[in-house]
Amino acid sequence: MTRINVGEKMPDFAFDTGYAPDKHLSDYLGGKTVVWVLRYIGCPTCSYTAYLINNRYDEFLAKNAKVLMVMQSDPKHIQDYLGERNIELKFDIVADTEMKIYKELEILPAKDMQSMMGNADPEEMKKKFGAIREAGFTHGDYEGDELQLPALFILDEAGTVTYAHYAENGMDMPSVDEVLEML
């Protein structure tokens, strides 16, 4: 269990997606790969992030990039959640119910809910949560560790990390716009 840094090779972890078993990270390499590590599909912030990425996925493809999202959710739960909302994702969600990837990459949970929120700007939070509600996302079922912090990695075609971000709190993540700009 060790944090991965820029210049290091991302481990070729094995996983199931919401729709396919027995996949490996190496199946997704070629061009750039964005590995977006969030909490679970019922988390409104996480599902809203997936929604934003999905709506702009052609922009990722235009930059020769694909997205692989990691969540603590069960594959069936991912299918049910997306199906109930008629969402057809253009990218895969890794179903890491045992949190093996989180542990392997040392993506730790916050100590408590106050640490999870950190020193986020209340106006920024109000704006973000307003957009989430406006888009129709509400809290679904809880899965995994509610205090799990997110992380984001960008890999080159060989699986070498070109960008690594371990969030210090739940709001400390690059936006979709920022990730697209980095690509």
Foldseek 3Di string as FASTA:
>chain_A
DEAADFQAFDDFDFFAWLPGHTHTVLVFFDAKEKEKEDEACLPLLVVVQQVVCQVCVVLQVVNRYAYEYEYLADSPVVVVSCVVVVHDGPHTYTHNVVCPSCVVNVQDFAPDQCQQCPPDDPVVVVVSVVVSVVVPRDGDDHGDDPRGWIKMFMAGRRRGTNDIGRARHNVRDDHPVRVSVVD
